[in-house]
Structures are given as C-alpha cells and as structure tokens.
Amino acid sequence: MSQKVLLSSKEINIILHRLACQLLENHLDFKDTVLIGLQPRGIFVAQRLKKILQSEYGVKEINLGLLDITFYRDDFRRGEKPLEANTTKIDFLVEDKKVVFIDDVLYTGRSIRAALTAIQSFGRPQEIELLTLIDRRFSRHLPIQPNYRGRQVDAINDEKVKVMWEENDGEDVIYLINK
C-alpha cells in the first residue's frame, strides 16, 4: 500500500478560501442560504467555510446544519457490521431556502442522492447546490455534479482519497492511497 500527498495543509487552506469566495459571490449575505455539512466528514469542511466567511469576509449570520444520511443510503443494509448513526442538527427552516450541501469527497454520488432524500424531512428548499472539496470525477454511479469543487482528482477505483483534518486526525492533509 502506498500513499502520496494530494494536498498539503497550505493548499487545503487556499482551496477553502477560494470556495468561500465562490459562495460569497453567489449568496452575498446568506440571508436566504443555509449550509448543510454531510456527516461524518463534510462537517469539517462546512465548519471551516463558515469560519472563513464570518471572520475574513464579514458575513454576520450563517445557518449551518449537520445532516446524517446513514439510513437514507441505498446500501445501508449491505455491510457486515451494524451501522452507527451520526448527529443531525438542523435548527432552522430549509423551506424556500437555498441549501448548499457540503461534503469532503464526491465519489459515486450515492451520499448526495441520500442527502437529497433526507433533506425533505426538513422542508422543501428553493434550490440545492453541492460543494465538495475533492471531486473523483471518473467514479460516479449517478448523474450528480458539484456546483463548487476544490480539486478534481482522477483516481481509479482501487485508489482511495483520504482526507485528514486537524480537529479529528491531528493534521490537515489529503492523501491518495493505492491499495
């Protein structure tokens, strides 16, 4: 098994700032926009983006929610071990709002399909966009594409993208792992 660094901490930070600027261009004051971090790993991207938007670009108020899609996935009963659900925390209305789903890696598209189903429990959004830090573009099973992408990676199926976060893993780095 070998691994190579796809993105260093500095590169991740630059990409997050670019993504924050793109969000700002399209949503200005975030009055009608909510950010939804997909559990478990998308929440780190979402929290970082919220912090950048508020501290560096002066956005006063941003609604940030956390969405667990575990039991909405079409493959949740296929594994050997029992699944553990994560926390869903959406304490605002999504009805008629612009929702931005945020995840770390877009792979097959199944997580996003599950998120589209799960968000309906909280209302009917006016519009839904997708922001992903890493887009594995040749691995899609569903016709889902991000509106905002940090970096496109041409990883083949036996390769894995591993995103590490300071808050959870002790460092910010993204690896491409060859099994």
N, C-alpha and C. Protein backbone atom coordinates (compact mmCIF):
# COMPACT_ATOMS: atom_id res chain seq x y z
N MET A 1 0.85 -1.18 0.00
CA MET A 1 0.00 0.00 0.00
C MET A 1 0.89 1.24 0.00
N SER A 2 0.67 2.13 -0.95
CA SER A 2 1.44 3.37 -0.99
C SER A 2 0.50 4.56 -0.93
N GLN A 3 1.03 5.67 -0.47
CA GLN A 3 0.21 6.88 -0.42
C GLN A 3 1.05 8.07 -0.83
N LYS A 4 0.37 9.01 -1.49
CA LYS A 4 1.05 10.26 -1.85
C LYS A 4 0.17 11.42 -1.42
N VAL A 5 0.80 12.51 -1.09
CA VAL A 5 0.07 13.70 -0.66
C VAL A 5 -0.55 14.37 -1.88
N LEU A 6 -1.87 14.49 -1.85
CA LEU A 6 -2.59 15.22 -2.90
C LEU A 6 -2.60 16.71 -2.59
N LEU A 7 -2.93 17.04 -1.34
CA LEU A 7 -2.99 18.43 -0.91
C LEU A 7 -2.38 18.58 0.48
N SER A 8 -1.52 19.56 0.62
CA SER A 8 -0.93 19.87 1.92
C SER A 8 -1.88 20.80 2.69
N SER A 9 -1.55 21.08 3.91
CA SER A 9 -2.34 21.97 4.75
C SER A 9 -2.50 23.34 4.10
N LYS A 10 -1.41 23.86 3.57
CA LYS A 10 -1.44 25.18 2.92
C LYS A 10 -2.35 25.16 1.69
N GLU A 11 -2.26 24.11 0.89
CA GLU A 11 -3.10 24.00 -0.31
C GLU A 11 -4.58 23.87 0.05
N ILE A 12 -4.88 23.11 1.10
CA ILE A 12 -6.26 22.97 1.57
C ILE A 12 -6.80 24.33 1.99
N ASN A 13 -5.99 25.09 2.71
CA ASN A 13 -6.40 26.41 3.17
C ASN A 13 -6.69 27.35 1.99
N ILE A 14 -5.84 27.32 0.99
CA ILE A 14 -6.05 28.15 -0.21
C ILE A 14 -7.35 27.76 -0.90
N ILE A 15 -7.59 26.47 -1.04
CA ILE A 15 -8.82 25.99 -1.69
C ILE A 15 -10.05 26.39 -0.90
N LEU A 16 -9.99 26.26 0.42
CA LEU A 16 -11.14 26.65 1.26
C LEU A 16 -11.45 28.14 1.10
N HIS A 17 -10.42 28.97 1.02
CA HIS A 17 -10.65 30.40 0.82
C HIS A 17 -11.27 30.68 -0.56
N ARG A 18 -10.82 29.96 -1.58
CA ARG A 18 -11.40 30.12 -2.92
C ARG A 18 -12.87 29.70 -2.92
N LEU A 19 -13.16 28.57 -2.28
CA LEU A 19 -14.55 28.11 -2.20
C LEU A 19 -15.42 29.10 -1.44
N ALA A 20 -14.88 29.67 -0.36
CA ALA A 20 -15.62 30.67 0.41
C ALA A 20 -15.94 31.88 -0.47
N CYS A 21 -14.99 32.31 -1.29
CA CYS A 21 -15.21 33.45 -2.20
C CYS A 21 -16.27 33.11 -3.24
N GLN A 22 -16.26 31.90 -3.74
CA GLN A 22 -17.27 31.49 -4.72
C GLN A 22 -18.66 31.48 -4.09
N LEU A 23 -18.76 30.99 -2.86
CA LEU A 23 -20.04 31.01 -2.15
C LEU A 23 -20.51 32.44 -1.94
N LEU A 24 -19.59 33.29 -1.55
CA LEU A 24 -19.90 34.70 -1.30
C LEU A 24 -20.41 35.39 -2.58
N GLU A 25 -19.79 35.09 -3.70
CA GLU A 25 -20.24 35.66 -4.98
C GLU A 25 -21.69 35.32 -5.28
N ASN A 26 -22.07 34.08 -4.99
CA ASN A 26 -23.40 33.60 -5.34
C ASN A 26 -24.46 33.82 -4.27
N HIS A 27 -24.04 34.04 -3.02
CA HIS A 27 -25.03 34.10 -1.93
C HIS A 27 -24.94 35.37 -1.09
N LEU A 28 -23.98 36.24 -1.35
CA LEU A 28 -23.79 37.55 -0.72
C LEU A 28 -23.91 37.52 0.80
N ASP A 29 -25.10 37.81 1.35
CA ASP A 29 -25.24 37.92 2.81
C ASP A 29 -25.75 36.63 3.47
N PHE A 30 -26.03 35.61 2.71
CA PHE A 30 -26.50 34.31 3.20
C PHE A 30 -27.85 34.40 3.92
N LYS A 31 -28.59 35.47 3.64
CA LYS A 31 -29.90 35.66 4.27
C LYS A 31 -30.87 34.54 3.87
N ASP A 32 -30.80 34.11 2.60
CA ASP A 32 -31.71 33.07 2.11
C ASP A 32 -30.98 31.76 1.82
N THR A 33 -29.77 31.62 2.35
CA THR A 33 -28.94 30.44 2.09
C THR A 33 -28.56 29.77 3.40
N VAL A 34 -28.59 28.44 3.39
CA VAL A 34 -28.13 27.66 4.55
C VAL A 34 -27.07 26.68 4.08
N LEU A 35 -26.11 26.41 4.93
CA LEU A 35 -25.07 25.42 4.66
C LEU A 35 -25.41 24.15 5.42
N ILE A 36 -25.28 23.02 4.75
CA ILE A 36 -25.55 21.71 5.37
C ILE A 36 -24.32 20.83 5.18
N GLY A 37 -23.60 20.56 6.27
CA GLY A 37 -22.47 19.65 6.23
C GLY A 37 -22.96 18.22 6.35
N LEU A 38 -22.52 17.36 5.43
CA LEU A 38 -22.95 15.96 5.46
C LEU A 38 -22.05 15.18 6.41
N GLN A 39 -22.67 14.48 7.33
CA GLN A 39 -21.96 13.67 8.31
C GLN A 39 -21.35 12.45 7.61
N PRO A 40 -20.23 11.97 8.05
CA PRO A 40 -19.44 12.49 9.16
C PRO A 40 -18.36 13.48 8.74
N ARG A 41 -17.82 13.41 7.52
CA ARG A 41 -16.61 14.17 7.18
C ARG A 41 -16.88 15.54 6.55
N GLY A 42 -18.06 15.74 6.00
CA GLY A 42 -18.37 17.02 5.39
C GLY A 42 -18.51 18.15 6.39
N ILE A 43 -18.74 17.78 7.64
CA ILE A 43 -18.93 18.82 8.66
C ILE A 43 -17.65 19.63 8.89
N PHE A 44 -16.50 19.01 8.71
CA PHE A 44 -15.24 19.73 8.91
C PHE A 44 -15.06 20.80 7.84
N VAL A 45 -15.40 20.47 6.60
CA VAL A 45 -15.33 21.43 5.50
C VAL A 45 -16.33 22.57 5.77
N ALA A 46 -17.56 22.21 6.14
CA ALA A 46 -18.61 23.21 6.38
C ALA A 46 -18.24 24.16 7.52
N GLN A 47 -17.72 23.62 8.61
CA GLN A 47 -17.34 24.47 9.74
C GLN A 47 -16.20 25.41 9.38
N ARG A 48 -15.23 24.91 8.61
CA ARG A 48 -14.12 25.77 8.18
C ARG A 48 -14.62 26.89 7.28
N LEU A 49 -15.50 26.55 6.33
CA LEU A 49 -16.03 27.56 5.42
C LEU A 49 -16.82 28.63 6.18
N LYS A 50 -17.63 28.21 7.12
CA LYS A 50 -18.40 29.17 7.93
C LYS A 50 -17.46 30.11 8.67
N LYS A 51 -16.42 29.56 9.25
CA LYS A 51 -15.45 30.37 9.99
C LYS A 51 -14.76 31.39 9.07
N ILE A 52 -14.35 30.95 7.89
CA ILE A 52 -13.70 31.85 6.93
C ILE A 52 -14.65 32.95 6.49
N LEU A 53 -15.88 32.59 6.16
CA LEU A 53 -16.86 33.58 5.71
C LEU A 53 -17.15 34.63 6.77
N GLN A 54 -17.20 34.20 8.03
CA GLN A 54 -17.51 35.15 9.10
C GLN A 54 -16.30 35.98 9.51
N SER A 55 -15.16 35.33 9.71
CA SER A 55 -14.01 36.06 10.24
C SER A 55 -13.27 36.88 9.19
N GLU A 56 -13.22 36.40 7.96
CA GLU A 56 -12.43 37.09 6.95
C GLU A 56 -13.24 37.88 5.94
N TYR A 57 -14.52 37.56 5.81
CA TYR A 57 -15.34 38.27 4.82
C TYR A 57 -16.53 38.97 5.45
N GLY A 58 -16.64 38.95 6.77
CA GLY A 58 -17.62 39.74 7.49
C GLY A 58 -19.06 39.34 7.33
N VAL A 59 -19.32 38.09 6.94
CA VAL A 59 -20.71 37.62 6.86
C VAL A 59 -21.20 37.45 8.30
N LYS A 60 -22.27 38.17 8.62
CA LYS A 60 -22.72 38.22 10.03
C LYS A 60 -23.31 36.89 10.51
N GLU A 61 -24.29 36.41 9.77
CA GLU A 61 -25.01 35.23 10.25
C GLU A 61 -25.10 34.19 9.15
N ILE A 62 -24.67 32.97 9.47
CA ILE A 62 -24.76 31.86 8.54
C ILE A 62 -25.38 30.68 9.28
N ASN A 63 -26.47 30.16 8.75
CA ASN A 63 -27.05 28.96 9.33
C ASN A 63 -26.29 27.75 8.82
N LEU A 64 -25.76 26.97 9.77
CA LEU A 64 -25.02 25.76 9.44
C LEU A 64 -25.68 24.57 10.12
N GLY A 65 -26.05 23.60 9.33
CA GLY A 65 -26.66 22.39 9.86
C GLY A 65 -25.79 21.17 9.57
N LEU A 66 -26.06 20.10 10.31
CA LEU A 66 -25.36 18.83 10.14
C LEU A 66 -26.41 17.78 9.78
N LEU A 67 -26.18 17.05 8.70
CA LEU A 67 -27.17 16.08 8.23
C LEU A 67 -26.56 14.69 8.19
N ASP A 68 -27.21 13.76 8.91
CA ASP A 68 -26.80 12.36 8.86
C ASP A 68 -27.64 11.65 7.82
N ILE A 69 -26.98 10.98 6.89
CA ILE A 69 -27.68 10.31 5.79
C ILE A 69 -27.61 8.79 5.89
N THR A 70 -27.09 8.29 7.00
CA THR A 70 -26.82 6.86 7.16
C THR A 70 -27.97 5.97 6.69
N PHE A 71 -29.18 6.23 7.18
CA PHE A 71 -30.29 5.33 6.90
C PHE A 71 -31.09 5.73 5.66
N TYR A 72 -30.59 6.72 4.94
CA TYR A 72 -31.18 7.10 3.66
C TYR A 72 -30.40 6.52 2.49
N ARG A 73 -29.24 5.96 2.78
CA ARG A 73 -28.40 5.39 1.72
C ARG A 73 -29.04 4.12 1.16
N ASP A 74 -28.84 3.87 -0.12
CA ASP A 74 -29.41 2.68 -0.73
C ASP A 74 -28.60 1.42 -0.43
N ASP A 75 -27.45 1.59 0.20
CA ASP A 75 -26.60 0.43 0.52
C ASP A 75 -26.42 0.21 2.02
N PHE A 76 -27.28 0.83 2.85
CA PHE A 76 -27.03 0.76 4.30
C PHE A 76 -27.25 -0.62 4.90
N ARG A 77 -27.93 -1.51 4.23
CA ARG A 77 -28.14 -2.86 4.77
C ARG A 77 -27.19 -3.89 4.16
N ARG A 78 -26.22 -3.44 3.40
CA ARG A 78 -25.35 -4.38 2.68
C ARG A 78 -24.08 -4.74 3.41
N GLY A 79 -23.75 -4.04 4.47
CA GLY A 79 -22.49 -4.29 5.17
C GLY A 79 -22.60 -5.41 6.17
N GLU A 80 -21.45 -5.86 6.62
CA GLU A 80 -21.37 -6.94 7.61
C GLU A 80 -21.65 -6.44 9.02
N LYS A 81 -21.19 -5.23 9.33
CA LYS A 81 -21.33 -4.73 10.70
C LYS A 81 -22.49 -3.74 10.79
N PRO A 82 -23.07 -3.61 11.97
CA PRO A 82 -24.18 -2.66 12.14
C PRO A 82 -23.67 -1.22 11.98
N LEU A 83 -24.52 -0.40 11.40
CA LEU A 83 -24.14 0.99 11.17
C LEU A 83 -24.39 1.83 12.41
N GLU A 84 -23.57 2.85 12.57
CA GLU A 84 -23.75 3.81 13.65
C GLU A 84 -24.15 5.13 13.05
N ALA A 85 -25.28 5.65 13.51
CA ALA A 85 -25.76 6.93 13.00
C ALA A 85 -24.97 8.07 13.64
N ASN A 86 -24.89 9.18 12.91
CA ASN A 86 -24.28 10.41 13.42
C ASN A 86 -25.40 11.37 13.80
N THR A 87 -25.03 12.52 14.26
CA THR A 87 -25.98 13.53 14.69
C THR A 87 -26.51 14.33 13.51
N THR A 88 -27.81 14.54 13.50
CA THR A 88 -28.41 15.51 12.60
C THR A 88 -28.79 16.70 13.46
N LYS A 89 -28.34 17.88 13.04
CA LYS A 89 -28.66 19.10 13.78
C LYS A 89 -29.00 20.19 12.77
N ILE A 90 -30.28 20.37 12.55
CA ILE A 90 -30.76 21.43 11.68
C ILE A 90 -31.82 22.17 12.48
N ASP A 91 -31.42 23.27 13.08
CA ASP A 91 -32.33 24.01 13.97
C ASP A 91 -32.82 25.31 13.31
N PHE A 92 -33.11 25.21 12.02
CA PHE A 92 -33.64 26.33 11.24
C PHE A 92 -34.48 25.73 10.12
N LEU A 93 -35.26 26.56 9.47
CA LEU A 93 -36.12 26.09 8.38
C LEU A 93 -35.34 26.06 7.07
N VAL A 94 -35.56 25.03 6.29
CA VAL A 94 -34.97 24.97 4.95
C VAL A 94 -36.01 25.29 3.88
N GLU A 95 -37.26 25.42 4.31
CA GLU A 95 -38.35 25.74 3.39
C GLU A 95 -38.04 27.02 2.63
N ASP A 96 -38.05 26.94 1.29
CA ASP A 96 -37.80 28.08 0.39
C ASP A 96 -36.41 28.71 0.55
N LYS A 97 -35.46 27.97 1.12
CA LYS A 97 -34.09 28.47 1.25
C LYS A 97 -33.23 27.84 0.16
N LYS A 98 -32.11 28.49 -0.09
CA LYS A 98 -31.09 27.90 -0.95
C LYS A 98 -30.20 27.08 -0.04
N VAL A 99 -30.12 25.79 -0.30
CA VAL A 99 -29.34 24.86 0.53
C VAL A 99 -28.06 24.52 -0.22
N VAL A 100 -26.94 24.60 0.50
CA VAL A 100 -25.66 24.17 -0.06
C VAL A 100 -25.20 22.95 0.72
N PHE A 101 -25.25 21.78 0.09
CA PHE A 101 -24.70 20.57 0.70
C PHE A 101 -23.17 20.66 0.62
N ILE A 102 -22.51 20.28 1.70
CA ILE A 102 -21.05 20.34 1.74
C ILE A 102 -20.52 18.97 2.18
N ASP A 103 -19.61 18.42 1.35
CA ASP A 103 -19.00 17.13 1.69
C ASP A 103 -17.53 17.19 1.33
N ASP A 104 -16.76 16.25 1.88
CA ASP A 104 -15.32 16.27 1.63
C ASP A 104 -14.96 15.65 0.28
N VAL A 105 -15.53 14.48 -0.04
CA VAL A 105 -15.20 13.79 -1.28
C VAL A 105 -16.48 13.38 -2.00
N LEU A 106 -16.57 13.74 -3.27
CA LEU A 106 -17.67 13.26 -4.12
C LEU A 106 -17.12 12.08 -4.90
N TYR A 107 -17.69 10.91 -4.64
CA TYR A 107 -17.19 9.68 -5.25
C TYR A 107 -18.26 9.13 -6.19
N THR A 108 -19.15 8.28 -5.70
CA THR A 108 -20.16 7.67 -6.57
C THR A 108 -21.39 8.55 -6.76
N GLY A 109 -21.64 9.45 -5.82
CA GLY A 109 -22.83 10.29 -5.84
C GLY A 109 -23.95 9.76 -4.96
N ARG A 110 -23.76 8.57 -4.39
CA ARG A 110 -24.82 7.96 -3.58
C ARG A 110 -25.09 8.72 -2.28
N SER A 111 -24.08 9.30 -1.69
CA SER A 111 -24.28 10.10 -0.47
C SER A 111 -25.14 11.32 -0.76
N ILE A 112 -24.91 11.94 -1.90
CA ILE A 112 -25.67 13.12 -2.26
C ILE A 112 -27.12 12.74 -2.57
N ARG A 113 -27.32 11.62 -3.25
CA ARG A 113 -28.68 11.15 -3.50
C ARG A 113 -29.41 10.93 -2.19
N ALA A 114 -28.71 10.34 -1.20
CA ALA A 114 -29.31 10.11 0.11
C ALA A 114 -29.61 11.44 0.81
N ALA A 115 -28.72 12.41 0.66
CA ALA A 115 -28.93 13.72 1.28
C ALA A 115 -30.14 14.43 0.67
N LEU A 116 -30.33 14.27 -0.64
CA LEU A 116 -31.50 14.86 -1.29
C LEU A 116 -32.80 14.30 -0.71
N THR A 117 -32.80 13.01 -0.41
CA THR A 117 -33.97 12.39 0.21
C THR A 117 -34.12 12.85 1.66
N ALA A 118 -33.03 12.86 2.41
CA ALA A 118 -33.08 13.20 3.83
C ALA A 118 -33.52 14.63 4.08
N ILE A 119 -33.09 15.57 3.25
CA ILE A 119 -33.40 16.98 3.50
C ILE A 119 -34.90 17.26 3.38
N GLN A 120 -35.62 16.40 2.66
CA GLN A 120 -37.06 16.59 2.50
C GLN A 120 -37.80 16.52 3.83
N SER A 121 -37.21 15.87 4.82
CA SER A 121 -37.82 15.80 6.15
C SER A 121 -37.84 17.16 6.84
N PHE A 122 -37.06 18.11 6.32
CA PHE A 122 -36.93 19.42 6.96
C PHE A 122 -37.59 20.53 6.15
N GLY A 123 -38.27 20.18 5.08
CA GLY A 123 -38.94 21.18 4.25
C GLY A 123 -38.52 21.04 2.80
N ARG A 124 -39.05 21.95 2.00
CA ARG A 124 -38.76 21.92 0.57
C ARG A 124 -37.90 23.13 0.21
N PRO A 125 -36.62 22.90 -0.03
CA PRO A 125 -35.72 24.01 -0.39
C PRO A 125 -36.10 24.62 -1.74
N GLN A 126 -35.77 25.89 -1.89
CA GLN A 126 -35.96 26.57 -3.17
C GLN A 126 -34.98 26.02 -4.19
N GLU A 127 -33.77 25.71 -3.73
CA GLU A 127 -32.70 25.28 -4.62
C GLU A 127 -31.67 24.52 -3.79
N ILE A 128 -30.99 23.57 -4.40
CA ILE A 128 -29.92 22.84 -3.70
C ILE A 128 -28.68 22.87 -4.57
N GLU A 129 -27.56 23.22 -3.94
CA GLU A 129 -26.26 23.21 -4.61
C GLU A 129 -25.35 22.24 -3.86
N LEU A 130 -24.26 21.86 -4.52
CA LEU A 130 -23.30 20.94 -3.92
C LEU A 130 -21.90 21.54 -3.97
N LEU A 131 -21.24 21.53 -2.82
CA LEU A 131 -19.84 21.93 -2.70
C LEU A 131 -19.07 20.73 -2.19
N THR A 132 -18.00 20.39 -2.87
CA THR A 132 -17.17 19.28 -2.44
C THR A 132 -15.70 19.68 -2.53
N LEU A 133 -14.94 19.25 -1.55
CA LEU A 133 -13.51 19.56 -1.52
C LEU A 133 -12.77 18.79 -2.61
N ILE A 134 -13.08 17.49 -2.75
CA ILE A 134 -12.45 16.63 -3.74
C ILE A 134 -13.53 15.99 -4.62
N ASP A 135 -13.37 16.11 -5.92
CA ASP A 135 -14.29 15.51 -6.88
C ASP A 135 -13.57 14.39 -7.62
N ARG A 136 -13.94 13.15 -7.31
CA ARG A 136 -13.41 11.99 -8.04
C ARG A 136 -14.28 11.77 -9.26
N ARG A 137 -13.99 12.48 -10.32
CA ARG A 137 -14.91 12.60 -11.44
C ARG A 137 -15.14 11.34 -12.25
N PHE A 138 -14.25 10.38 -12.23
CA PHE A 138 -14.44 9.18 -13.06
C PHE A 138 -15.08 8.01 -12.30
N SER A 139 -15.62 8.28 -11.13
CA SER A 139 -16.16 7.22 -10.29
C SER A 139 -17.65 7.30 -10.06
N ARG A 140 -18.33 8.20 -10.77
CA ARG A 140 -19.73 8.46 -10.50
C ARG A 140 -20.62 7.31 -10.94
N HIS A 141 -21.58 6.96 -10.08
CA HIS A 141 -22.62 5.97 -10.43
C HIS A 141 -23.92 6.67 -10.78
N LEU A 142 -24.05 7.93 -10.32
CA LEU A 142 -25.27 8.71 -10.53
C LEU A 142 -24.92 10.03 -11.22
N PRO A 143 -25.86 10.62 -11.93
CA PRO A 143 -25.56 11.86 -12.66
C PRO A 143 -25.58 13.09 -11.74
N ILE A 144 -24.62 13.15 -10.85
CA ILE A 144 -24.52 14.23 -9.87
C ILE A 144 -23.17 14.93 -10.05
N GLN A 145 -23.22 16.25 -10.16
CA GLN A 145 -22.00 17.04 -10.33
C GLN A 145 -22.00 18.19 -9.32
N PRO A 146 -20.84 18.57 -8.82
CA PRO A 146 -20.78 19.67 -7.85
C PRO A 146 -20.90 21.04 -8.53
N ASN A 147 -21.51 21.98 -7.81
CA ASN A 147 -21.53 23.38 -8.25
C ASN A 147 -20.20 24.05 -7.91
N TYR A 148 -19.60 23.60 -6.80
CA TYR A 148 -18.32 24.14 -6.35
C TYR A 148 -17.42 22.96 -6.05
N ARG A 149 -16.21 22.98 -6.60
CA ARG A 149 -15.28 21.88 -6.33
C ARG A 149 -13.93 22.47 -5.97
N GLY A 150 -13.31 21.86 -4.97
CA GLY A 150 -11.99 22.30 -4.58
C GLY A 150 -10.93 21.82 -5.54
N ARG A 151 -10.92 20.52 -5.77
CA ARG A 151 -9.91 19.92 -6.64
C ARG A 151 -10.51 18.68 -7.29
N GLN A 152 -10.25 18.52 -8.56
CA GLN A 152 -10.68 17.33 -9.29
C GLN A 152 -9.55 16.31 -9.26
N VAL A 153 -9.89 15.07 -8.94
CA VAL A 153 -8.89 14.02 -8.84
C VAL A 153 -9.29 12.88 -9.75
N ASP A 154 -8.34 12.45 -10.57
CA ASP A 154 -8.59 11.32 -11.46
C ASP A 154 -8.05 10.05 -10.81
N ALA A 155 -8.76 9.59 -9.80
CA ALA A 155 -8.36 8.37 -9.10
C ALA A 155 -9.12 7.20 -9.70
N ILE A 156 -8.41 6.11 -9.92
CA ILE A 156 -9.09 4.92 -10.42
C ILE A 156 -9.69 4.17 -9.24
N ASN A 157 -10.55 3.19 -9.53
CA ASN A 157 -11.39 2.60 -8.50
C ASN A 157 -10.68 1.95 -7.32
N ASP A 158 -9.49 1.40 -7.51
CA ASP A 158 -8.83 0.78 -6.35
C ASP A 158 -8.01 1.79 -5.55
N GLU A 159 -8.00 3.03 -5.98
CA GLU A 159 -7.34 4.09 -5.21
C GLU A 159 -8.36 4.76 -4.30
N LYS A 160 -7.88 5.25 -3.18
CA LYS A 160 -8.76 5.87 -2.20
C LYS A 160 -8.23 7.27 -1.87
N VAL A 161 -9.15 8.20 -1.72
CA VAL A 161 -8.79 9.55 -1.28
C VAL A 161 -9.09 9.62 0.22
N LYS A 162 -8.08 9.97 0.99
CA LYS A 162 -8.25 10.06 2.45
C LYS A 162 -8.01 11.50 2.88
N VAL A 163 -9.05 12.11 3.46
CA VAL A 163 -8.98 13.49 3.92
C VAL A 163 -8.78 13.47 5.44
N MET A 164 -7.74 14.15 5.87
CA MET A 164 -7.41 14.23 7.30
C MET A 164 -7.62 15.68 7.76
N TRP A 165 -8.23 15.84 8.93
CA TRP A 165 -8.49 17.17 9.48
C TRP A 165 -7.81 17.34 10.83
N GLU A 166 -7.27 18.49 11.05
CA GLU A 166 -6.60 18.83 12.32
C GLU A 166 -7.50 18.50 13.51
N GLU A 167 -8.77 18.87 13.43
CA GLU A 167 -9.71 18.69 14.53
C GLU A 167 -9.94 17.22 14.88
N ASN A 168 -9.83 16.36 13.90
CA ASN A 168 -10.17 14.95 14.09
C ASN A 168 -8.96 14.02 14.00
N ASP A 169 -8.01 14.36 13.13
CA ASP A 169 -6.91 13.45 12.83
C ASP A 169 -5.54 14.00 13.21
N GLY A 170 -5.50 15.24 13.68
CA GLY A 170 -4.23 15.82 14.12
C GLY A 170 -3.46 16.58 13.06
N GLU A 171 -3.92 16.53 11.80
CA GLU A 171 -3.26 17.29 10.73
C GLU A 171 -4.22 17.50 9.58
N ASP A 172 -3.99 18.57 8.83
CA ASP A 172 -4.74 18.82 7.60
C ASP A 172 -3.90 18.32 6.44
N VAL A 173 -4.36 17.27 5.78
CA VAL A 173 -3.66 16.74 4.62
C VAL A 173 -4.63 15.80 3.89
N ILE A 174 -4.45 15.71 2.57
CA ILE A 174 -5.26 14.79 1.77
C ILE A 174 -4.31 13.86 1.03
N TYR A 175 -4.55 12.56 1.19
CA TYR A 175 -3.71 11.53 0.57
C TYR A 175 -4.46 10.80 -0.53
N LEU A 176 -3.73 10.35 -1.51
CA LEU A 176 -4.22 9.39 -2.49
C LEU A 176 -3.53 8.07 -2.13
N ILE A 177 -4.34 7.09 -1.76
CA ILE A 177 -3.81 5.80 -1.29
C ILE A 177 -4.06 4.76 -2.36
N ASN A 178 -2.99 4.06 -2.73
CA ASN A 178 -3.05 2.98 -3.71
C ASN A 178 -2.98 1.66 -2.95
N LYS A 179 -4.02 0.87 -3.05
CA LYS A 179 -4.07 -0.39 -2.29
C LYS A 179 -3.23 -1.47 -2.91
